Amino acid sequence: MRHAEVLENGELGIRPLRNAAATATFDLSGDDVVLESRFSFYGFRYAEITGGDLSPDDVEAVVLHTDMRRTGWFDSSHAELDRLHENVVWGMRGNFLSIPTDCPQRDERLGWTGDIQVFAPTASYLYDCDGFLTSWLRDLAHEQAHTPDGSVPLVVPAALPGFGSGGPTAAWGDAATVVPAVMHERFGDVGVVRAQYASMRAWVEAVLDDTDGSGLWTGRMQLGDWLDPSAPPDKPGAAKVSGDVVASAYLARSLRLTADAAELLGHDEDARRYGDLAERSRAAFAAEFVTPAGRMMNDAPTAYALALGFDLVTDPPVRAALAARLADLVREGGYRIGTGFVGTPLVADALTEAGHLEVAERLLLQTECPSWLYPVTMGATTVWERWDSMLPDGSINPGEMTSFNHYALGAVADWLHRSVAGLAPAAPGYARLRIAPRPLPALEHASTRHLTPYGEAAVAWRREGDEVVVTAVVPANTVAEVDLGDGDVHEVDSGAHTWRTAAAKPRQHPPLPGLDAMLADVIDDPRAYRALLHTLAEHAPERVDAVRTGTVWGSRRALSTALMFTPPPVLAEVDAAIRAATA
């Protein structure tokens, strides 16, 4: 029995498995027996069985994962979005087996710290993984205690002693501070913070020892914004954002989380010290990497998402300028994803909180590659490691490192729960809830429910004419703060509640002047964008991919600039099509 995640040219796609044979061999007795592997497991969608007279009805696939209670659900009017969420769930199931692995199929299956660091909020909503992650954090602290400088290994358990042993690594080692903080926020678990506090301190002290005392963490080789979609297949760490930006941002964040943990546990002196260090790092980050006008020195989406999402910039006008530039970058990129492991969990929140909800929606619902929904259009049933693990022509990405079950990029599901549907904790363990749905214009309804320590909480919204109807269930012995985006923030007690609010008016798109239209207006108007690509496909098909993926969809660039050297007859057809589509 041979196993694989995908088919390529009608055969098992085994190259991504690398050295994993993913094969079970049985010697048949000649009698009717049930054969099942007991000492191994496989990550697969397809299996090839040879040497026996079997029918498909004789075969059953058994799902293996640590026994955890399902606690979170999401539903919407968008079938592909629901499939994405289901892929996130299946990715977690396939990788939460004894430890939180990166992937369940190839010759790896390791507890990569960076993956769970970004995914912990989503995981803690979908399943009751408090005990699971508490156990893994004990392993982390144990392995950390065996490093010479207090740094955290890239994988826990530390099965790769010779890999990444050059000192602390940002975003990966920060699992030591982030995961306990998430567990306290989501489960109200003070015990795990107390148990891990020494580990949290050891991690930030290891990083501080690796800095020059300026508050920044620079000069170290970092994995950075791993698997930025612009990185070449053989250089997954070649991101648009500098590793120094990522490392310095995480230093400030981990110092703040450690200060918060010290305050929670009553370690007042530690709380003051780490709080001061966190503020110093925050200020140093802003001084080094942010211009007074609100531009990042690395003009990349992840840089802006870090500055906003980690509250590294506090001046309101500068934050607004950063968010506006982030929205511009997303638009200029054709609403295709431009972030890797670090930026992906932050970008939608950064846009939403700054009032750019429609930009976040376009980014979420994009189906062109790279995007969250592109794998769904390719038949994916789990979240992929790369945005393009499978290329549009059905071939497997040529990079050596390609998995079709990797939950990290599915961290966006936490935003679906908190913002699209609108349910989040406002106090540890959901003792206080936040009900704040942000209805996406493209959706007719969305809902979520979560089994909190106090009972089931639920939020749902649906469109009725010019109104949005919001319903919620607040568990007993809790309260909820309600923010429907209309300026009226209030508190309600436990029970069932219904509100009605005016729906946002649909955006009106003006007629566009053909080739003289600005590229931002073309990409923002689905009618114009479809007309452009359809016309090119009909009259100059060789130019479609170049225009779609190579154009900077800027607000001061005319459409004609993206069509240089296009034959005049084709230009005339495009001009007429844009005008007709938007008239």
Protein backbone atom coordinates (compact mmCIF):
# COMPACT_ATOMS: atom_id res chain seq x y z
CA MET A 1 0.00 0.00 0.00
CA ARG A 2 1.57 3.29 -1.17
CA HIS A 3 0.27 6.66 -0.02
CA ALA A 4 0.37 10.20 -1.42
CA GLU A 5 -1.39 13.51 -0.93
CA VAL A 6 -1.99 14.37 -4.58
CA LEU A 7 -1.95 12.92 -8.06
CA GLU A 8 0.35 14.21 -10.76
CA ASN A 9 -0.25 13.09 -14.33
CA GLY A 10 -2.64 10.46 -13.01
CA GLU A 11 -0.01 8.87 -10.74
CA LEU A 12 0.78 9.19 -7.05
CA GLY A 13 2.70 12.41 -6.46
CA ILE A 14 5.47 11.02 -4.25
CA ARG A 15 8.28 13.56 -4.82
CA PRO A 16 7.12 15.81 -1.93
CA LEU A 17 7.47 12.83 0.43
CA ARG A 18 11.27 13.01 -0.02
CA ASN A 19 12.76 10.05 1.88
CA ALA A 20 9.50 8.83 3.37
CA ALA A 21 8.53 5.55 1.71
CA ALA A 22 4.90 5.98 2.88
CA THR A 23 4.44 2.30 2.09
CA ALA A 24 2.92 -0.53 4.10
CA THR A 25 3.64 -4.13 3.08
CA PHE A 26 1.56 -7.04 4.36
CA ASP A 27 2.14 -10.77 3.91
CA LEU A 28 -1.24 -12.35 3.27
CA SER A 29 -2.23 -15.56 5.01
CA GLY A 30 -4.84 -16.57 2.47
CA ASP A 31 -7.66 -16.19 4.98
CA ASP A 32 -10.10 -13.29 5.30
CA VAL A 33 -8.36 -10.82 7.62
CA VAL A 34 -8.42 -7.11 8.46
CA LEU A 35 -5.06 -5.45 7.83
CA GLU A 36 -4.17 -2.14 9.47
CA SER A 37 -0.89 -0.41 10.23
CA ARG A 38 -0.49 -0.11 13.99
CA PHE A 39 2.96 1.43 14.42
CA SER A 40 2.93 4.05 11.68
CA PHE A 41 0.63 6.62 10.13
CA TYR A 42 0.43 8.31 6.75
CA GLY A 43 -0.70 11.70 5.52
CA PHE A 44 -2.60 10.99 2.31
CA ARG A 45 -5.64 11.46 0.11
CA TYR A 46 -4.76 8.70 -2.35
CA ALA A 47 -3.54 5.15 -1.85
CA GLU A 48 -2.36 2.61 -4.38
CA ILE A 49 -2.90 -1.04 -3.40
CA THR A 50 -1.24 -3.83 -5.34
CA GLY A 51 -0.81 -7.57 -4.84
CA GLY A 52 -4.31 -8.37 -3.65
CA ASP A 53 -7.74 -8.92 -5.13
CA LEU A 54 -9.59 -5.94 -3.59
CA SER A 55 -12.36 -3.56 -4.46
CA PRO A 56 -12.63 0.02 -3.16
CA ASP A 57 -15.41 -1.14 -0.87
CA ASP A 58 -12.87 -3.31 0.98
CA VAL A 59 -10.82 -0.26 2.03
CA GLU A 60 -11.50 2.15 4.89
CA ALA A 61 -9.38 5.20 5.75
CA VAL A 62 -8.99 5.76 9.50
CA VAL A 63 -8.46 9.34 10.75
CA LEU A 64 -5.90 9.62 13.53
CA HIS A 65 -5.43 12.59 15.85
CA THR A 66 -5.16 13.26 19.55
CA ASP A 67 -8.55 12.94 21.23
CA MET A 68 -9.74 16.53 21.56
CA ARG A 69 -13.27 17.87 21.85
CA ARG A 70 -14.43 20.02 18.93
CA THR A 71 -15.34 23.47 20.26
CA GLY A 72 -15.56 25.87 17.32
CA TRP A 73 -17.55 26.17 14.09
CA PHE A 74 -18.00 28.68 11.27
CA ASP A 75 -20.49 28.92 8.43
CA SER A 76 -21.26 31.44 5.71
CA SER A 77 -23.08 31.96 2.43
CA HIS A 78 -19.83 31.51 0.49
CA ALA A 79 -19.17 27.86 -0.43
CA GLU A 80 -15.45 28.29 -1.15
CA LEU A 81 -14.91 30.19 2.10
CA ASP A 82 -16.63 27.40 4.02
CA ARG A 83 -14.39 24.89 2.26
CA LEU A 84 -11.35 26.91 3.31
CA HIS A 85 -12.49 26.77 6.92
CA GLU A 86 -13.10 23.05 6.67
CA ASN A 87 -9.61 22.65 5.22
CA VAL A 88 -8.21 24.44 8.27
CA VAL A 89 -10.07 22.01 10.55
CA TRP A 90 -8.79 18.97 8.63
CA GLY A 91 -5.27 20.36 8.63
CA MET A 92 -5.38 20.68 12.40
CA ARG A 93 -6.79 17.17 12.79
CA GLY A 94 -4.04 15.72 10.64
CA ASN A 95 -1.27 17.49 12.54
CA PHE A 96 -2.38 17.38 16.17
CA LEU A 97 -1.19 13.84 16.79
CA SER A 98 0.68 13.65 20.11
CA ILE A 99 2.51 16.88 19.22
CA PRO A 100 1.61 19.78 16.90
CA THR A 101 3.47 18.74 13.77
CA ASP A 102 4.14 20.79 10.67
CA CYS A 103 3.01 18.06 8.29
CA PRO A 104 1.92 14.42 8.59
CA GLN A 105 3.28 12.89 5.39
CA ARG A 106 6.94 13.46 4.42
CA ASP A 107 10.17 12.60 6.24
CA GLU A 108 9.65 15.36 8.80
CA ARG A 109 6.48 15.35 10.94
CA LEU A 110 8.12 17.57 13.55
CA GLY A 111 6.89 20.01 16.18
CA TRP A 112 7.96 23.19 14.43
CA THR A 113 7.58 26.02 16.91
CA GLY A 114 6.83 28.76 14.37
CA ASP A 115 3.83 26.93 12.95
CA ILE A 116 2.00 26.54 16.26
CA GLN A 117 3.04 30.05 17.33
CA VAL A 118 0.92 31.57 14.54
CA PHE A 119 -1.82 28.93 14.63
CA ALA A 120 -2.46 28.71 18.39
CA PRO A 121 -5.40 31.20 18.40
CA THR A 122 -7.19 29.26 15.65
CA ALA A 123 -6.43 25.91 17.26
CA SER A 124 -7.76 27.00 20.65
CA TYR A 125 -11.05 28.03 19.07
CA LEU A 126 -11.62 24.91 16.98
CA TYR A 127 -10.72 22.31 19.60
CA ASP A 128 -10.20 22.05 23.34
CA CYS A 129 -6.44 21.75 23.03
CA ASP A 130 -5.56 23.16 26.45
CA GLY A 131 -4.18 19.87 27.75
CA PHE A 132 -2.54 19.04 24.42
CA LEU A 133 -0.63 22.32 24.23
CA THR A 134 0.16 22.32 27.95
CA SER A 135 1.92 18.99 27.45
CA TRP A 136 3.82 20.30 24.43
CA LEU A 137 4.89 23.44 26.29
CA ARG A 138 6.40 21.24 29.00
CA ASP A 139 8.44 19.61 26.25
CA LEU A 140 9.44 23.06 25.00
CA ALA A 141 10.66 24.13 28.43
CA HIS A 142 12.54 20.84 28.83
CA GLU A 143 14.33 21.22 25.50
CA GLN A 144 14.99 24.91 26.15
CA ALA A 145 16.69 24.06 29.43
CA HIS A 146 19.17 21.94 27.50
CA THR A 147 20.27 24.77 25.19
CA PRO A 148 23.37 26.69 26.27
CA ASP A 149 21.79 30.14 26.00
CA GLY A 150 18.14 29.56 26.91
CA SER A 151 16.97 29.74 23.31
CA VAL A 152 14.16 27.55 22.00
CA PRO A 153 14.89 24.85 19.40
CA LEU A 154 13.20 25.22 16.04
CA VAL A 155 11.40 21.94 16.62
CA VAL A 156 10.05 20.48 19.88
CA PRO A 157 10.89 17.73 20.72
CA ALA A 158 14.38 18.72 19.51
CA ALA A 159 14.80 16.04 16.87
CA LEU A 160 17.14 18.18 14.74
CA PRO A 161 20.06 18.97 17.07
CA GLY A 162 22.31 20.21 14.29
CA PHE A 163 19.69 22.36 12.56
CA GLY A 164 19.14 25.98 13.59
CA SER A 165 21.64 25.76 16.44
CA GLY A 166 23.10 29.19 15.73
CA GLY A 167 21.13 30.98 18.43
CA PRO A 168 17.57 32.22 18.95
CA THR A 169 15.24 32.47 15.93
CA ALA A 170 12.47 35.06 15.85
CA ALA A 171 8.83 33.98 15.44
CA TRP A 172 9.81 30.35 16.02
CA GLY A 173 11.32 30.64 19.50
CA ASP A 174 8.62 33.17 20.39
CA ALA A 175 6.26 30.23 20.78
CA ALA A 176 7.62 30.21 24.34
CA THR A 177 5.79 33.46 25.09
CA VAL A 178 2.95 33.52 22.56
CA VAL A 179 1.40 30.09 23.12
CA PRO A 180 1.04 30.43 26.93
CA ALA A 181 -0.44 33.91 26.43
CA VAL A 182 -2.97 32.56 23.93
CA MET A 183 -3.93 29.74 26.27
CA HIS A 184 -4.54 32.19 29.09
CA GLU A 185 -6.63 34.40 26.82
CA ARG A 186 -8.69 31.59 25.35
CA PHE A 187 -8.96 29.08 28.20
CA GLY A 188 -8.45 31.34 31.23
CA ASP A 189 -5.56 29.03 32.15
CA VAL A 190 -3.38 30.87 34.68
CA GLY A 191 -1.69 27.59 35.59
CA VAL A 192 0.00 27.24 32.20
CA VAL A 193 1.35 30.80 32.46
CA ARG A 194 2.70 30.04 35.91
CA ALA A 195 4.25 26.77 34.73
CA GLN A 196 5.84 28.40 31.67
CA TYR A 197 6.90 31.70 33.20
CA ALA A 198 10.50 30.63 33.70
CA SER A 199 10.58 29.54 30.05
CA MET A 200 9.13 32.87 28.94
CA ARG A 201 11.80 34.76 30.90
CA ALA A 202 14.57 32.52 29.63
CA TRP A 203 13.52 33.13 26.04
CA VAL A 204 13.43 36.93 26.21
CA GLU A 205 16.70 36.98 28.17
CA ALA A 206 18.31 34.83 25.48
CA VAL A 207 17.16 37.28 22.82
CA LEU A 208 18.25 40.31 24.85
CA ASP A 209 21.70 38.73 25.18
CA ASP A 210 21.77 38.42 21.39
CA THR A 211 21.13 42.15 20.84
CA ASP A 212 23.34 45.21 21.07
CA GLY A 213 21.24 46.83 23.80
CA SER A 214 19.48 49.26 21.47
CA GLY A 215 16.09 47.61 21.76
CA LEU A 216 16.39 46.18 18.25
CA TRP A 217 17.25 42.61 17.28
CA THR A 218 19.30 42.80 14.10
CA GLY A 219 22.10 41.10 12.21
CA ARG A 220 21.07 37.52 12.97
CA MET A 221 20.14 35.06 10.24
CA GLN A 222 16.38 34.65 10.54
CA LEU A 223 13.78 32.49 8.86
CA GLY A 224 11.71 35.67 8.71
CA ASP A 225 8.46 35.83 6.76
CA TRP A 226 8.88 32.24 5.65
CA LEU A 227 7.34 31.28 2.31
CA ASP A 228 6.50 34.78 1.18
CA PRO A 229 4.87 34.01 -2.20
CA SER A 230 7.47 36.11 -3.99
CA ALA A 231 10.30 33.88 -2.71
CA PRO A 232 11.81 31.49 -5.29
CA PRO A 233 10.88 27.81 -4.82
CA ASP A 234 14.41 26.96 -3.67
CA LYS A 235 14.75 29.98 -1.34
CA PRO A 236 11.71 29.96 0.95
CA GLY A 237 13.23 32.52 3.32
CA ALA A 238 13.81 35.18 0.64
CA ALA A 239 10.96 37.42 1.74
CA LYS A 240 10.22 41.01 0.79
CA VAL A 241 10.50 42.07 4.44
CA SER A 242 13.85 42.08 6.24
CA GLY A 243 14.53 39.51 8.93
CA ASP A 244 15.61 42.42 11.16
CA VAL A 245 12.11 43.90 10.96
CA VAL A 246 10.53 40.58 11.89
CA ALA A 247 12.99 39.90 14.72
CA SER A 248 12.73 43.37 16.26
CA ALA A 249 8.93 43.27 16.11
CA TYR A 250 8.83 39.91 17.87
CA LEU A 251 11.30 41.06 20.51
CA ALA A 252 8.98 43.92 21.44
CA ARG A 253 5.98 41.62 21.44
CA SER A 254 7.55 38.88 23.56
CA LEU A 255 8.81 41.43 26.08
CA ARG A 256 5.27 42.80 26.37
CA LEU A 257 3.77 39.33 26.78
CA THR A 258 6.35 38.46 29.45
CA ALA A 259 5.60 41.72 31.29
CA ASP A 260 1.89 40.90 31.18
CA ALA A 261 2.57 37.40 32.51
CA ALA A 262 4.68 38.83 35.36
CA GLU A 263 1.89 41.22 36.29
CA LEU A 264 -0.67 38.40 36.20
CA LEU A 265 1.47 36.30 38.53
CA GLY A 266 2.31 39.14 40.90
CA HIS A 267 5.98 39.46 39.95
CA ASP A 268 5.92 43.24 40.17
CA GLU A 269 9.63 43.88 39.68
CA ASP A 270 9.72 41.67 36.57
CA ALA A 271 6.58 43.35 35.28
CA ARG A 272 8.20 46.79 35.53
CA ARG A 273 11.49 45.67 34.01
CA TYR A 274 10.03 43.80 31.05
CA GLY A 275 7.42 46.51 30.52
CA ASP A 276 10.15 49.13 30.28
CA LEU A 277 12.17 46.94 27.92
CA ALA A 278 9.08 46.34 25.77
CA GLU A 279 8.46 50.08 25.47
CA ARG A 280 12.11 50.67 24.63
CA SER A 281 11.96 48.05 21.86
CA ARG A 282 8.68 49.43 20.56
CA ALA A 283 10.08 52.95 20.36
CA ALA A 284 13.31 51.69 18.78
CA PHE A 285 11.34 49.79 16.14
CA ALA A 286 9.31 52.88 15.26
CA ALA A 287 12.40 55.06 15.10
CA GLU A 288 14.39 52.62 12.98
CA PHE A 289 11.83 51.22 10.57
CA VAL A 290 8.93 53.74 10.33
CA THR A 291 9.10 57.15 8.67
CA PRO A 292 7.27 60.10 10.27
CA ALA A 293 4.94 60.14 7.25
CA GLY A 294 3.83 56.55 7.87
CA ARG A 295 5.87 54.42 5.49
CA MET A 296 7.86 51.35 6.41
CA MET A 297 11.51 51.16 5.43
CA ASN A 298 10.60 47.74 4.02
CA ASP A 299 7.61 48.63 1.84
CA ALA A 300 6.09 45.16 2.16
CA PRO A 301 2.68 44.05 3.52
CA THR A 302 4.19 42.02 6.38
CA ALA A 303 6.15 45.02 7.63
CA TYR A 304 2.97 47.09 7.90
CA ALA A 305 1.00 44.21 9.41
CA LEU A 306 3.63 43.75 12.13
CA ALA A 307 3.78 47.45 12.98
CA LEU A 308 -0.01 47.65 13.24
CA GLY A 309 -0.84 44.22 14.63
CA PHE A 310 1.77 44.33 17.40
CA ASP A 311 0.94 47.97 18.27
CA LEU A 312 4.53 49.02 17.58
CA VAL A 313 3.28 52.39 16.34
CA THR A 314 0.93 54.25 18.67
CA ASP A 315 0.54 57.68 17.05
CA PRO A 316 -2.98 57.66 15.47
CA PRO A 317 -2.14 59.65 12.30
CA VAL A 318 0.93 57.51 11.63
CA ARG A 319 -1.08 54.33 12.21
CA ALA A 320 -3.72 55.57 9.77
CA ALA A 321 -1.04 56.28 7.17
CA LEU A 322 0.50 52.84 7.66
CA ALA A 323 -2.89 51.17 7.24
CA ALA A 324 -3.64 53.21 4.12
CA ARG A 325 -0.33 52.19 2.60
CA LEU A 326 -1.00 48.55 3.50
CA ALA A 327 -4.35 48.78 1.72
CA ASP A 328 -2.61 50.32 -1.30
CA LEU A 329 -0.04 47.51 -1.37
CA VAL A 330 -2.74 44.87 -1.28
CA ARG A 331 -4.56 46.60 -4.13
CA GLU A 332 -1.36 47.14 -6.12
CA GLY A 333 -0.73 43.41 -5.80
CA GLY A 334 -4.08 42.65 -7.43
CA TYR A 335 -5.60 41.58 -4.10
CA ARG A 336 -3.38 38.50 -4.17
CA ILE A 337 -1.68 37.49 -0.95
CA GLY A 338 1.76 38.99 -0.39
CA THR A 339 2.67 37.59 3.03
CA GLY A 340 4.31 34.47 4.43
CA PHE A 341 4.09 32.65 7.76
CA VAL A 342 4.60 35.81 9.85
CA GLY A 343 2.43 38.33 8.03
CA THR A 344 -0.49 36.11 7.02
CA PRO A 345 -2.14 35.86 10.49
CA LEU A 346 -1.97 39.66 10.87
CA VAL A 347 -2.82 41.26 7.55
CA ALA A 348 -6.62 40.89 7.56
CA ASP A 349 -6.87 42.19 11.13
CA ALA A 350 -4.61 45.15 10.35
CA LEU A 351 -6.84 46.14 7.44
CA THR A 352 -10.12 45.57 9.26
CA GLU A 353 -9.23 47.50 12.39
CA ALA A 354 -8.16 50.48 10.30
CA GLY A 355 -11.43 50.61 8.37
CA HIS A 356 -10.29 48.86 5.18
CA LEU A 357 -12.77 46.00 5.43
CA GLU A 358 -13.48 45.82 1.70
CA VAL A 359 -9.76 45.43 1.00
CA ALA A 360 -9.58 42.59 3.53
CA GLU A 361 -12.61 41.01 1.86
CA ARG A 362 -11.07 41.18 -1.60
CA LEU A 363 -7.88 39.64 -0.23
CA LEU A 364 -9.83 36.86 1.51
CA LEU A 365 -12.06 35.96 -1.44
CA GLN A 366 -9.40 36.16 -4.16
CA THR A 367 -9.14 32.92 -6.11
CA GLU A 368 -6.15 33.73 -8.30
CA CYS A 369 -2.76 32.38 -7.21
CA PRO A 370 -1.48 33.17 -4.62
CA SER A 371 -4.51 33.38 -2.32
CA TRP A 372 -6.32 31.53 0.44
CA LEU A 373 -8.98 30.28 -1.98
CA TYR A 374 -6.69 29.31 -4.84
CA PRO A 375 -6.00 25.87 -3.27
CA VAL A 376 -9.76 25.42 -2.83
CA THR A 377 -10.25 25.96 -6.57
CA MET A 378 -7.59 23.28 -7.12
CA GLY A 379 -9.51 20.75 -5.04
CA ALA A 380 -7.55 21.07 -1.79
CA THR A 381 -8.99 19.44 1.32
CA THR A 382 -6.36 20.78 3.73
CA VAL A 383 -4.27 23.96 3.90
CA TRP A 384 -1.06 23.85 1.87
CA GLU A 385 2.46 24.70 2.99
CA ARG A 386 3.05 26.95 -0.01
CA TRP A 387 0.49 29.22 -1.61
CA ASP A 388 1.27 27.35 -4.84
CA SER A 389 2.10 23.84 -3.66
CA MET A 390 0.32 22.79 -6.82
CA LEU A 391 0.74 25.02 -9.85
CA PRO A 392 -2.22 26.07 -12.02
CA ASP A 393 -1.27 23.47 -14.64
CA GLY A 394 -1.70 20.67 -12.08
CA SER A 395 2.01 20.02 -11.54
CA ILE A 396 3.62 19.99 -8.11
CA ASN A 397 5.71 22.98 -7.07
CA PRO A 398 9.35 22.26 -8.02
CA GLY A 399 10.66 23.26 -4.58
CA GLU A 400 12.10 20.47 -2.44
CA MET A 401 9.87 21.50 0.45
CA THR A 402 6.24 21.11 -0.60
CA SER A 403 3.44 19.87 1.63
CA PHE A 404 -0.29 19.72 1.01
CA ASN A 405 -1.20 19.59 4.71
CA HIS A 406 0.37 22.44 6.67
CA TYR A 407 -1.91 24.44 8.94
CA ALA A 408 0.15 27.64 9.43
CA LEU A 409 -1.37 29.67 6.58
CA GLY A 410 -4.82 28.68 7.86
CA ALA A 411 -4.31 31.00 10.84
CA VAL A 412 -6.69 33.40 9.05
CA ALA A 413 -9.56 31.32 10.42
CA ASP A 414 -9.17 33.14 13.73
CA TRP A 415 -10.07 36.37 11.93
CA LEU A 416 -13.10 34.64 10.40
CA HIS A 417 -14.30 33.76 13.88
CA ARG A 418 -13.55 37.11 15.55
CA SER A 419 -14.30 39.62 12.80
CA VAL A 420 -16.30 38.14 9.94
CA ALA A 421 -18.69 36.28 12.26
CA GLY A 422 -17.88 38.42 15.29
CA LEU A 423 -17.13 36.34 18.40
CA ALA A 424 -14.03 36.83 20.54
CA PRO A 425 -12.96 36.78 24.19
CA ALA A 426 -12.87 40.19 25.86
CA ALA A 427 -11.49 38.69 29.09
CA PRO A 428 -9.51 35.51 29.76
CA GLY A 429 -11.46 32.31 29.23
CA TYR A 430 -14.48 34.15 27.78
CA ALA A 431 -15.54 35.46 31.17
CA ARG A 432 -16.42 38.48 29.08
CA LEU A 433 -17.23 38.23 25.36
CA ARG A 434 -16.85 40.63 22.48
CA ILE A 435 -19.59 40.55 19.86
CA ALA A 436 -18.39 42.60 16.90
CA PRO A 437 -19.30 41.16 13.49
CA ARG A 438 -18.06 42.99 10.41
CA PRO A 439 -20.33 41.79 7.60
CA LEU A 440 -18.43 41.38 4.35
CA PRO A 441 -20.29 42.94 1.41
CA ALA A 442 -19.99 39.74 -0.65
CA LEU A 443 -21.65 37.56 2.01
CA GLU A 444 -25.36 37.17 2.72
CA HIS A 445 -24.81 35.61 6.11
CA ALA A 446 -22.15 34.24 8.45
CA SER A 447 -22.20 32.59 11.85
CA THR A 448 -19.94 31.03 14.43
CA ARG A 449 -20.33 29.22 17.72
CA HIS A 450 -17.81 28.24 20.36
CA LEU A 451 -17.99 26.07 23.45
CA THR A 452 -16.50 28.38 26.07
CA PRO A 453 -15.72 27.30 29.66
CA TYR A 454 -19.12 28.85 30.55
CA GLY A 455 -21.13 27.11 27.85
CA GLU A 456 -21.91 27.70 24.20
CA ALA A 457 -21.56 31.20 22.80
CA ALA A 458 -22.81 32.04 19.33
CA VAL A 459 -23.03 34.97 16.93
CA ALA A 460 -24.79 35.05 13.58
CA TRP A 461 -25.72 37.75 11.11
CA ARG A 462 -27.83 37.80 7.97
CA ARG A 463 -29.00 40.39 5.50
CA GLU A 464 -32.67 41.36 5.35
CA GLY A 465 -33.26 44.06 2.78
CA ASP A 466 -31.41 47.20 3.84
CA GLU A 467 -30.67 45.81 7.29
CA VAL A 468 -28.30 43.37 8.90
CA VAL A 469 -29.86 41.23 11.62
CA VAL A 470 -27.43 40.08 14.30
CA THR A 471 -28.27 37.37 16.80
CA ALA A 472 -26.15 36.19 19.70
CA VAL A 473 -26.19 33.77 22.61
CA VAL A 474 -24.21 34.81 25.68
CA PRO A 475 -23.52 31.96 28.15
CA ALA A 476 -24.63 32.06 31.77
CA ASN A 477 -22.45 33.96 34.26
CA THR A 478 -20.83 36.03 31.52
CA VAL A 479 -21.41 39.41 29.92
CA ALA A 480 -20.68 40.66 26.42
CA GLU A 481 -19.63 43.96 24.96
CA VAL A 482 -21.44 44.58 21.69
CA ASP A 483 -19.98 46.66 18.87
CA LEU A 484 -21.92 46.50 15.62
CA GLY A 485 -19.79 49.12 13.93
CA ASP A 486 -22.46 51.84 14.22
CA GLY A 487 -20.76 53.72 17.04
CA ASP A 488 -23.03 52.31 19.75
CA VAL A 489 -20.93 50.08 22.03
CA HIS A 490 -22.87 48.61 24.92
CA GLU A 491 -22.96 45.66 27.30
CA VAL A 492 -25.48 42.83 27.58
CA ASP A 493 -25.98 40.03 30.07
CA SER A 494 -26.30 36.32 29.41
CA GLY A 495 -29.11 35.09 27.22
CA ALA A 496 -30.30 35.37 23.61
CA HIS A 497 -30.18 38.75 21.89
CA THR A 498 -31.16 40.25 18.53
CA TRP A 499 -30.17 43.56 16.97
CA ARG A 500 -30.93 45.23 13.68
CA THR A 501 -28.59 47.71 12.06
CA ALA A 502 -28.47 49.47 8.73
CA ALA A 503 -26.47 47.64 6.10
CA ALA A 504 -23.59 49.46 4.52
CA LYS A 505 -24.53 50.83 1.14
CA PRO A 506 -22.96 48.97 -1.79
CA ARG A 507 -20.05 50.73 -3.38
CA GLN A 508 -20.99 52.51 -6.59
CA HIS A 509 -18.45 52.33 -9.42
CA PRO A 510 -18.39 55.18 -11.94
CA PRO A 511 -17.98 54.73 -15.70
CA LEU A 512 -14.33 54.29 -16.63
CA PRO A 513 -12.58 56.04 -19.54
CA GLY A 514 -11.13 52.95 -21.17
CA LEU A 515 -7.35 52.98 -21.51
CA ASP A 516 -7.17 56.24 -19.56
CA ALA A 517 -8.70 54.62 -16.46
CA MET A 518 -6.44 54.32 -13.45
CA LEU A 519 -5.32 50.77 -12.76
CA ALA A 520 -6.61 50.95 -9.18
CA ASP A 521 -10.09 51.76 -10.53
CA VAL A 522 -9.89 48.83 -12.94
CA ILE A 523 -8.93 46.28 -10.28
CA ASP A 524 -11.53 47.72 -7.87
CA ASP A 525 -14.36 47.35 -10.37
CA PRO A 526 -14.98 43.63 -11.06
CA ARG A 527 -16.78 44.53 -14.28
CA ALA A 528 -13.74 46.34 -15.66
CA TYR A 529 -11.28 43.69 -14.50
CA ARG A 530 -13.30 40.89 -16.09
CA ALA A 531 -13.65 42.86 -19.30
CA LEU A 532 -9.90 43.49 -19.45
CA LEU A 533 -8.92 39.85 -18.98
CA HIS A 534 -11.68 38.52 -21.23
CA THR A 535 -10.70 40.87 -24.05
CA LEU A 536 -7.03 40.00 -23.75
CA ALA A 537 -7.85 36.29 -23.65
CA GLU A 538 -9.79 36.69 -26.88
CA HIS A 539 -7.37 38.91 -28.80
CA ALA A 540 -3.95 38.50 -27.13
CA PRO A 541 -4.03 35.42 -24.89
CA GLU A 542 -0.26 35.38 -24.52
CA ARG A 543 -0.49 38.63 -22.52
CA VAL A 544 -3.11 37.59 -19.97
CA ASP A 545 -0.83 36.11 -17.31
CA ALA A 546 1.70 38.91 -17.62
CA VAL A 547 -0.95 41.58 -17.14
CA ARG A 548 -2.68 39.77 -14.30
CA THR A 549 0.43 38.98 -12.27
CA GLY A 550 2.93 41.61 -13.38
CA THR A 551 0.81 44.76 -13.13
CA VAL A 552 1.10 47.20 -10.23
CA TRP A 553 -2.52 48.26 -9.84
CA GLY A 554 -1.75 51.78 -8.66
CA SER A 555 -4.05 54.76 -8.23
CA ARG A 556 -1.95 57.06 -10.44
CA ARG A 557 -1.10 54.64 -13.23
CA ALA A 558 -3.24 54.51 -16.35
CA LEU A 559 -4.36 51.19 -17.78
CA SER A 560 -2.45 52.01 -20.95
CA THR A 561 0.85 51.79 -19.03
CA ALA A 562 0.18 48.13 -18.31
CA LEU A 563 -0.39 47.41 -22.00
CA MET A 564 2.75 48.86 -23.52
CA PHE A 565 3.75 47.25 -26.84
CA THR A 566 0.27 45.78 -27.24
CA PRO A 567 -0.87 45.99 -30.88
CA PRO A 568 -3.15 48.99 -31.53
CA PRO A 569 -6.14 46.87 -32.63
CA VAL A 570 -6.03 45.01 -29.31
CA LEU A 571 -5.77 48.30 -27.42
CA ALA A 572 -8.85 49.54 -29.21
CA GLU A 573 -10.76 46.39 -28.24
CA VAL A 574 -9.71 46.78 -24.58
CA ASP A 575 -10.67 50.45 -24.54
CA ALA A 576 -14.13 49.70 -25.92
CA ALA A 577 -14.66 46.74 -23.58
CA ILE A 578 -13.81 48.74 -20.45
CA ARG A 579 -16.08 51.58 -21.45
CA ALA A 580 -18.96 49.25 -22.29
CA ALA A 581 -18.62 47.15 -19.14
CA THR A 582 -18.69 50.17 -16.83
CA ALA A 583 -21.17 52.40 -18.66
